[in-house]
Amino acid sequence: RIAHGMLTTSLLSGLLGMHLPGKGSVYLGQT
């Protein structure tokens, strides 16, 4: 079995939302 690609991608959401740029930042796009 392999992990969902979007599960892996969700780690980026945690990184960007909590660390850099961090709290209060909002995704506009992701390639």
Full PDB file with SEQRES, HELIX, SHEET, SSBOND, CRYST1, ORIGX, SCALE, CONECT and MASTER records, all heavy atoms in Angstrom:
SEQRES   1 A   31  ARG ILE ALA HIS GLY MET LEU THR THR SER LEU LEU SER          
SEQRES   2 A   31  GLY LEU LEU GLY MET HIS LEU PRO GLY LYS GLY SER VAL          
SEQRES   3 A   31  TYR LEU GLY GLN THR                                          
HELIX    1 AA1 GLY A    5  MET A   18  1                                  14    
CRYST1    1.000    1.000    1.000  90.00  90.00  90.00 P 1           1          
ORIGX1      1.000000  0.000000  0.000000        0.00000                         
ORIGX2      0.000000  1.000000  0.000000        0.00000                         
ORIGX3      0.000000  0.000000  1.000000        0.00000                         
SCALE1      1.000000  0.000000  0.000000        0.00000                         
SCALE2      0.000000  1.000000  0.000000        0.00000                         
SCALE3      0.000000  0.000000  1.000000        0.00000                         
ATOM      1  N   ARG A   1       0.835  -1.200   0.000  1.00  0.00           N  
ATOM      2  CA  ARG A   1       0.000   0.000   0.000  1.00  0.00           C  
ATOM      3  C   ARG A   1       0.871   1.252   0.000  1.00  0.00           C  
ATOM      4  O   ARG A   1       1.951   1.270   0.591  1.00  0.00           O  
ATOM      5  CB  ARG A   1      -0.925   0.019   1.214  1.00  0.00           C  
ATOM      6  CG  ARG A   1      -1.971  -1.076   1.134  1.00  0.00           C  
ATOM      7  CD  ARG A   1      -2.943  -1.015   2.266  1.00  0.00           C  
ATOM      8  NE  ARG A   1      -2.247  -1.183   3.535  1.00  0.00           N  
ATOM      9  CZ  ARG A   1      -2.692  -0.714   4.687  1.00  0.00           C  
ATOM     10  NH1 ARG A   1      -3.815  -0.044   4.753  1.00  0.00           N  
ATOM     11  NH2 ARG A   1      -2.027  -0.930   5.782  1.00  0.00           N  
ATOM     12  N   ILE A   2       0.374   2.290  -0.646  1.00  0.00           N  
ATOM     13  CA  ILE A   2       1.051   3.591  -0.640  1.00  0.00           C  
ATOM     14  C   ILE A   2       0.132   4.633   0.005  1.00  0.00           C  
ATOM     15  O   ILE A   2      -1.101   4.499  -0.031  1.00  0.00           O  
ATOM     16  CB  ILE A   2       1.465   4.047  -2.058  1.00  0.00           C  
ATOM     17  CG1 ILE A   2       0.254   4.209  -2.982  1.00  0.00           C  
ATOM     18  CG2 ILE A   2       2.491   3.091  -2.647  1.00  0.00           C  
ATOM     19  CD1 ILE A   2       0.576   4.837  -4.337  1.00  0.00           C  
ATOM     20  N   ALA A   3       0.748   5.627   0.602  1.00  0.00           N  
ATOM     21  CA  ALA A   3      -0.018   6.728   1.189  1.00  0.00           C  
ATOM     22  C   ALA A   3      -0.651   7.560   0.078  1.00  0.00           C  
ATOM     23  O   ALA A   3      -0.102   7.671  -1.017  1.00  0.00           O  
ATOM     24  CB  ALA A   3       0.900   7.606   2.043  1.00  0.00           C  
ATOM     25  N   HIS A   4      -1.790   8.135   0.373  1.00  0.00           N  
ATOM     26  CA  HIS A   4      -2.434   9.060  -0.550  1.00  0.00           C  
ATOM     27  C   HIS A   4      -1.462  10.207  -0.837  1.00  0.00           C  
ATOM     28  O   HIS A   4      -0.833  10.734   0.091  1.00  0.00           O  
ATOM     29  CB  HIS A   4      -3.692   9.674   0.080  1.00  0.00           C  
ATOM     30  CG  HIS A   4      -4.735   8.703   0.504  1.00  0.00           C  
ATOM     31  ND1 HIS A   4      -4.608   7.913   1.624  1.00  0.00           N  
ATOM     32  CD2 HIS A   4      -5.941   8.422  -0.040  1.00  0.00           C  
ATOM     33  CE1 HIS A   4      -5.693   7.172   1.758  1.00  0.00           C  
ATOM     34  NE2 HIS A   4      -6.519   7.456   0.764  1.00  0.00           N  
ATOM     35  N   GLY A   5      -1.367  10.607  -2.095  1.00  0.00           N  
ATOM     36  CA  GLY A   5      -0.509  11.742  -2.436  1.00  0.00           C  
ATOM     37  C   GLY A   5      -0.920  12.998  -1.688  1.00  0.00           C  
ATOM     38  O   GLY A   5      -0.072  13.779  -1.227  1.00  0.00           O  
ATOM     39  N   MET A   6      -2.217  13.179  -1.533  1.00  0.00           N  
ATOM     40  CA  MET A   6      -2.687  14.386  -0.854  1.00  0.00           C  
ATOM     41  C   MET A   6      -2.468  14.307   0.657  1.00  0.00           C  
ATOM     42  O   MET A   6      -2.395  15.349   1.316  1.00  0.00           O  
ATOM     43  CB  MET A   6      -4.152  14.666  -1.191  1.00  0.00           C  
ATOM     44  CG  MET A   6      -4.370  14.957  -2.682  1.00  0.00           C  
ATOM     45  SD  MET A   6      -3.252  16.204  -3.388  1.00  0.00           S  
ATOM     46  CE  MET A   6      -3.996  17.678  -2.739  1.00  0.00           C  
ATOM     47  N   LEU A   7      -2.315  13.112   1.206  1.00  0.00           N  
ATOM     48  CA  LEU A   7      -1.933  12.987   2.617  1.00  0.00           C  
ATOM     49  C   LEU A   7      -0.524  13.529   2.786  1.00  0.00           C  
ATOM     50  O   LEU A   7      -0.256  14.320   3.707  1.00  0.00           O  
ATOM     51  CB  LEU A   7      -2.021  11.528   3.075  1.00  0.00           C  
ATOM     52  CG  LEU A   7      -1.452  11.211   4.460  1.00  0.00           C  
ATOM     53  CD1 LEU A   7      -2.135  12.031   5.555  1.00  0.00           C  
ATOM     54  CD2 LEU A   7      -1.572   9.729   4.760  1.00  0.00           C  
ATOM     55  N   THR A   8       0.374  13.148   1.898  1.00  0.00           N  
ATOM     56  CA  THR A   8       1.737  13.684   1.935  1.00  0.00           C  
ATOM     57  C   THR A   8       1.702  15.198   1.764  1.00  0.00           C  
ATOM     58  O   THR A   8       2.359  15.935   2.506  1.00  0.00           O  
ATOM     59  CB  THR A   8       2.596  13.030   0.833  1.00  0.00           C  
ATOM     60  OG1 THR A   8       2.595  11.608   1.018  1.00  0.00           O  
ATOM     61  CG2 THR A   8       4.021  13.546   0.874  1.00  0.00           C  
ATOM     62  N   THR A   9       0.907  15.666   0.804  1.00  0.00           N  
ATOM     63  CA  THR A   9       0.788  17.099   0.561  1.00  0.00           C  
ATOM     64  C   THR A   9       0.274  17.838   1.795  1.00  0.00           C  
ATOM     65  O   THR A   9       0.663  18.980   2.054  1.00  0.00           O  
ATOM     66  CB  THR A   9      -0.165  17.359  -0.627  1.00  0.00           C  
ATOM     67  OG1 THR A   9       0.333  16.661  -1.763  1.00  0.00           O  
ATOM     68  CG2 THR A   9      -0.273  18.835  -0.945  1.00  0.00           C  
ATOM     69  N   SER A  10      -0.575  17.187   2.578  1.00  0.00           N  
ATOM     70  CA  SER A  10      -1.137  17.846   3.753  1.00  0.00           C  
ATOM     71  C   SER A  10      -0.064  18.226   4.773  1.00  0.00           C  
ATOM     72  O   SER A  10      -0.265  19.145   5.568  1.00  0.00           O  
ATOM     73  CB  SER A  10      -2.226  16.987   4.395  1.00  0.00           C  
ATOM     74  OG  SER A  10      -1.670  15.868   5.060  1.00  0.00           O  
ATOM     75  N   LEU A  11       1.090  17.565   4.736  1.00  0.00           N  
ATOM     76  CA  LEU A  11       2.188  17.963   5.617  1.00  0.00           C  
ATOM     77  C   LEU A  11       2.679  19.358   5.261  1.00  0.00           C  
ATOM     78  O   LEU A  11       3.110  20.120   6.135  1.00  0.00           O  
ATOM     79  CB  LEU A  11       3.332  16.956   5.554  1.00  0.00           C  
ATOM     80  CG  LEU A  11       2.991  15.533   5.990  1.00  0.00           C  
ATOM     81  CD1 LEU A  11       4.210  14.635   5.860  1.00  0.00           C  
ATOM     82  CD2 LEU A  11       2.430  15.506   7.398  1.00  0.00           C  
ATOM     83  N   LEU A  12       2.599  19.715   3.966  1.00  0.00           N  
ATOM     84  CA  LEU A  12       2.950  21.078   3.559  1.00  0.00           C  
ATOM     85  C   LEU A  12       1.969  22.079   4.165  1.00  0.00           C  
ATOM     86  O   LEU A  12       2.368  23.161   4.586  1.00  0.00           O  
ATOM     87  CB  LEU A  12       2.952  21.210   2.033  1.00  0.00           C  
ATOM     88  CG  LEU A  12       4.052  20.463   1.291  1.00  0.00           C  
ATOM     89  CD1 LEU A  12       3.832  20.548  -0.212  1.00  0.00           C  
ATOM     90  CD2 LEU A  12       5.431  20.986   1.668  1.00  0.00           C  
ATOM     91  N   SER A  13       0.703  21.711   4.219  1.00  0.00           N  
ATOM     92  CA  SER A  13      -0.298  22.587   4.820  1.00  0.00           C  
ATOM     93  C   SER A  13       0.038  22.859   6.283  1.00  0.00           C  
ATOM     94  O   SER A  13      -0.033  23.999   6.752  1.00  0.00           O  
ATOM     95  CB  SER A  13      -1.689  21.953   4.695  1.00  0.00           C  
ATOM     96  OG  SER A  13      -2.674  22.787   5.258  1.00  0.00           O  
ATOM     97  N   GLY A  14       0.417  21.820   7.012  1.00  0.00           N  
ATOM     98  CA  GLY A  14       0.814  21.992   8.407  1.00  0.00           C  
ATOM     99  C   GLY A  14       2.043  22.862   8.547  1.00  0.00           C  
ATOM    100  O   GLY A  14       2.110  23.747   9.412  1.00  0.00           O  
ATOM    101  N   LEU A  15       3.018  22.640   7.681  1.00  0.00           N  
ATOM    102  CA  LEU A  15       4.257  23.425   7.716  1.00  0.00           C  
ATOM    103  C   LEU A  15       3.985  24.897   7.430  1.00  0.00           C  
ATOM    104  O   LEU A  15       4.406  25.778   8.180  1.00  0.00           O  
ATOM    105  CB  LEU A  15       5.249  22.860   6.684  1.00  0.00           C  
ATOM    106  CG  LEU A  15       6.516  23.673   6.450  1.00  0.00           C  
ATOM    107  CD1 LEU A  15       7.356  23.756   7.716  1.00  0.00           C  
ATOM    108  CD2 LEU A  15       7.316  23.083   5.294  1.00  0.00           C  
ATOM    109  N   LEU A  16       3.257  25.154   6.356  1.00  0.00           N  
ATOM    110  CA  LEU A  16       3.015  26.539   5.938  1.00  0.00           C  
ATOM    111  C   LEU A  16       2.045  27.262   6.866  1.00  0.00           C  
ATOM    112  O   LEU A  16       2.215  28.450   7.136  1.00  0.00           O  
ATOM    113  CB  LEU A  16       2.511  26.565   4.496  1.00  0.00           C  
ATOM    114  CG  LEU A  16       3.493  25.965   3.468  1.00  0.00           C  
ATOM    115  CD1 LEU A  16       2.836  25.873   2.106  1.00  0.00           C  
ATOM    116  CD2 LEU A  16       4.791  26.744   3.399  1.00  0.00           C  
ATOM    117  N   GLY A  17       1.061  26.558   7.369  1.00  0.00           N  
ATOM    118  CA  GLY A  17       0.071  27.183   8.241  1.00  0.00           C  
ATOM    119  C   GLY A  17       0.550  27.424   9.661  1.00  0.00           C  
ATOM    120  O   GLY A  17       0.043  28.315  10.340  1.00  0.00           O  
ATOM    121  N   MET A  18       1.525  26.636  10.099  1.00  0.00           N  
ATOM    122  CA  MET A  18       1.968  26.746  11.488  1.00  0.00           C  
ATOM    123  C   MET A  18       3.393  27.261  11.667  1.00  0.00           C  
ATOM    124  O   MET A  18       3.739  27.760  12.726  1.00  0.00           O  
ATOM    125  CB  MET A  18       1.851  25.378  12.175  1.00  0.00           C  
ATOM    126  CG  MET A  18       0.421  24.856  12.250  1.00  0.00           C  
ATOM    127  SD  MET A  18      -0.731  25.979  13.082  1.00  0.00           S  
ATOM    128  CE  MET A  18      -0.068  25.972  14.740  1.00  0.00           C  
ATOM    129  N   HIS A  19       4.249  27.131  10.646  1.00  0.00           N  
ATOM    130  CA  HIS A  19       5.663  27.458  10.824  1.00  0.00           C  
ATOM    131  C   HIS A  19       6.172  28.569   9.904  1.00  0.00           C  
ATOM    132  O   HIS A  19       6.755  29.537  10.378  1.00  0.00           O  
ATOM    133  CB  HIS A  19       6.515  26.197  10.652  1.00  0.00           C  
ATOM    134  CG  HIS A  19       6.137  25.106  11.609  1.00  0.00           C  
ATOM    135  ND1 HIS A  19       6.487  25.112  12.931  1.00  0.00           N  
ATOM    136  CD2 HIS A  19       5.400  23.979  11.428  1.00  0.00           C  
ATOM    137  CE1 HIS A  19       6.004  24.039  13.534  1.00  0.00           C  
ATOM    138  NE2 HIS A  19       5.327  23.335  12.645  1.00  0.00           N  
ATOM    139  N   LEU A  20       6.016  28.427   8.591  1.00  0.00           N  
ATOM    140  CA  LEU A  20       6.505  29.429   7.639  1.00  0.00           C  
ATOM    141  C   LEU A  20       5.589  29.469   6.438  1.00  0.00           C  
ATOM    142  O   LEU A  20       5.512  28.467   5.723  1.00  0.00           O  
ATOM    143  CB  LEU A  20       7.942  29.092   7.194  1.00  0.00           C  
ATOM    144  CG  LEU A  20       8.560  30.031   6.161  1.00  0.00           C  
ATOM    145  CD1 LEU A  20       8.778  31.416   6.762  1.00  0.00           C  
ATOM    146  CD2 LEU A  20       9.889  29.473   5.651  1.00  0.00           C  
ATOM    147  N   PRO A  21       4.845  30.525   6.204  1.00  0.00           N  
ATOM    148  CA  PRO A  21       4.852  31.782   6.952  1.00  0.00           C  
ATOM    149  C   PRO A  21       4.190  31.706   8.315  1.00  0.00           C  
ATOM    150  O   PRO A  21       4.427  32.525   9.180  1.00  0.00           O  
ATOM    151  CB  PRO A  21       4.141  32.763   6.044  1.00  0.00           C  
ATOM    152  CG  PRO A  21       3.408  31.954   5.044  1.00  0.00           C  
ATOM    153  CD  PRO A  21       4.048  30.614   4.986  1.00  0.00           C  
ATOM    154  N   GLY A  22       3.334  30.695   8.552  1.00  0.00           N  
ATOM    155  CA  GLY A  22       2.806  30.483   9.891  1.00  0.00           C  
ATOM    156  C   GLY A  22       1.379  30.930  10.098  1.00  0.00           C  
ATOM    157  O   GLY A  22       0.619  31.153   9.149  1.00  0.00           O  
ATOM    158  N   LYS A  23       1.029  31.051  11.364  1.00  0.00           N  
ATOM    159  CA  LYS A  23      -0.349  31.331  11.778  1.00  0.00           C  
ATOM    160  C   LYS A  23      -0.905  32.570  11.087  1.00  0.00           C  
ATOM    161  O   LYS A  23      -0.242  33.589  11.007  1.00  0.00           O  
ATOM    162  CB  LYS A  23      -0.419  31.493  13.293  1.00  0.00           C  
ATOM    163  CG  LYS A  23      -0.083  30.221  14.026  1.00  0.00           C  
ATOM    164  CD  LYS A  23      -0.052  30.417  15.524  1.00  0.00           C  
ATOM    165  CE  LYS A  23       0.371  29.135  16.214  1.00  0.00           C  
ATOM    166  NZ  LYS A  23       0.557  29.301  17.643  1.00  0.00           N  
ATOM    167  N   GLY A  24      -2.145  32.429  10.630  1.00  0.00           N  
ATOM    168  CA  GLY A  24      -2.833  33.529   9.959  1.00  0.00           C  
ATOM    169  C   GLY A  24      -2.598  33.577   8.458  1.00  0.00           C  
ATOM    170  O   GLY A  24      -3.290  34.288   7.753  1.00  0.00           O  
ATOM    171  N   SER A  25      -1.640  32.794   7.955  1.00  0.00           N  
ATOM    172  CA  SER A  25      -1.390  32.780   6.514  1.00  0.00           C  
ATOM    173  C   SER A  25      -2.447  31.916   5.825  1.00  0.00           C  
ATOM    174  O   SER A  25      -3.062  31.055   6.449  1.00  0.00           O  
ATOM    175  CB  SER A  25       0.015  32.261   6.211  1.00  0.00           C  
ATOM    176  OG  SER A  25       0.181  30.937   6.665  1.00  0.00           O  
ATOM    177  N   VAL A  26      -2.668  32.194   4.545  1.00  0.00           N  
ATOM    178  CA  VAL A  26      -3.706  31.507   3.778  1.00  0.00           C  
ATOM    179  C   VAL A  26      -3.112  31.050   2.446  1.00  0.00           C  
ATOM    180  O   VAL A  26      -2.437  31.819   1.763  1.00  0.00           O  
ATOM    181  CB  VAL A  26      -4.906  32.450   3.518  1.00  0.00           C  
ATOM    182  CG1 VAL A  26      -5.955  31.776   2.651  1.00  0.00           C  
ATOM    183  CG2 VAL A  26      -5.506  32.928   4.826  1.00  0.00           C  
ATOM    184  N   TYR A  27      -3.388  29.794   2.092  1.00  0.00           N  
ATOM    185  CA  TYR A  27      -2.962  29.255   0.797  1.00  0.00           C  
ATOM    186  C   TYR A  27      -3.658  29.990  -0.340  1.00  0.00           C  
ATOM    187  O   TYR A  27      -4.874  30.152  -0.333  1.00  0.00           O  
ATOM    188  CB  TYR A  27      -3.395  27.784   0.696  1.00  0.00           C  
ATOM    189  CG  TYR A  27      -2.294  26.768   0.721  1.00  0.00           C  
ATOM    190  CD1 TYR A  27      -2.289  25.771   1.681  1.00  0.00           C  
ATOM    191  CD2 TYR A  27      -1.288  26.758  -0.231  1.00  0.00           C  
ATOM    192  CE1 TYR A  27      -1.311  24.791   1.708  1.00  0.00           C  
ATOM    193  CE2 TYR A  27      -0.296  25.794  -0.216  1.00  0.00           C  
ATOM    194  CZ  TYR A  27      -0.312  24.815   0.744  1.00  0.00           C  
ATOM    195  OH  TYR A  27       0.663  23.846   0.765  1.00  0.00           O  
ATOM    196  N   LEU A  28      -2.900  30.402  -1.344  1.00  0.00           N  
ATOM    197  CA  LEU A  28      -3.471  30.928  -2.585  1.00  0.00           C  
ATOM    198  C   LEU A  28      -3.292  29.930  -3.725  1.00  0.00           C  
ATOM    199  O   LEU A  28      -4.058  29.932  -4.675  1.00  0.00           O  
ATOM    200  CB  LEU A  28      -2.816  32.259  -2.966  1.00  0.00           C  
ATOM    201  CG  LEU A  28      -3.049  33.421  -2.001  1.00  0.00           C  
ATOM    202  CD1 LEU A  28      -2.287  34.652  -2.476  1.00  0.00           C  
ATOM    203  CD2 LEU A  28      -4.531  33.718  -1.859  1.00  0.00           C  
ATOM    204  N   GLY A  29      -2.264  29.078  -3.604  1.00  0.00           N  
ATOM    205  CA  GLY A  29      -2.024  28.085  -4.646  1.00  0.00           C  
ATOM    206  C   GLY A  29      -0.883  27.166  -4.287  1.00  0.00           C  
ATOM    207  O   GLY A  29      -0.066  27.479  -3.415  1.00  0.00           O  
ATOM    208  N   GLN A  30      -0.843  26.015  -4.970  1.00  0.00           N  
ATOM    209  CA  GLN A  30       0.222  25.042  -4.737  1.00  0.00           C  
ATOM    210  C   GLN A  30       0.382  24.205  -5.998  1.00  0.00           C  
ATOM    211  O   GLN A  30      -0.595  23.632  -6.475  1.00  0.00           O  
ATOM    212  CB  GLN A  30      -0.127  24.126  -3.558  1.00  0.00           C  
ATOM    213  CG  GLN A  30       0.838  22.979  -3.320  1.00  0.00           C  
ATOM    214  CD  GLN A  30       2.127  23.396  -2.654  1.00  0.00           C  
ATOM    215  OE1 GLN A  30       2.101  24.002  -1.597  1.00  0.00           O  
ATOM    216  NE2 GLN A  30       3.254  23.075  -3.266  1.00  0.00           N  
ATOM    217  N   THR A  31       1.588  24.161  -6.539  1.00  0.00           N  
ATOM    218  CA  THR A  31       1.869  23.215  -7.614  1.00  0.00           C  
ATOM    219  C   THR A  31       2.477  21.975  -6.976  1.00  0.00           C  
ATOM    220  O   THR A  31       3.129  22.059  -5.929  1.00  0.00           O  
ATOM    221  CB  THR A  31       2.834  23.782  -8.670  1.00  0.00           C  
ATOM    222  OG1 THR A  31       4.095  24.055  -8.054  1.00  0.00           O  
ATOM    223  CG2 THR A  31       2.266  25.054  -9.302  1.00  0.00           C  
TER     224      THR A  31                                                      
MASTER        0    0    0    1    0    0    0    6  223    1    0    3          
END                                                                             
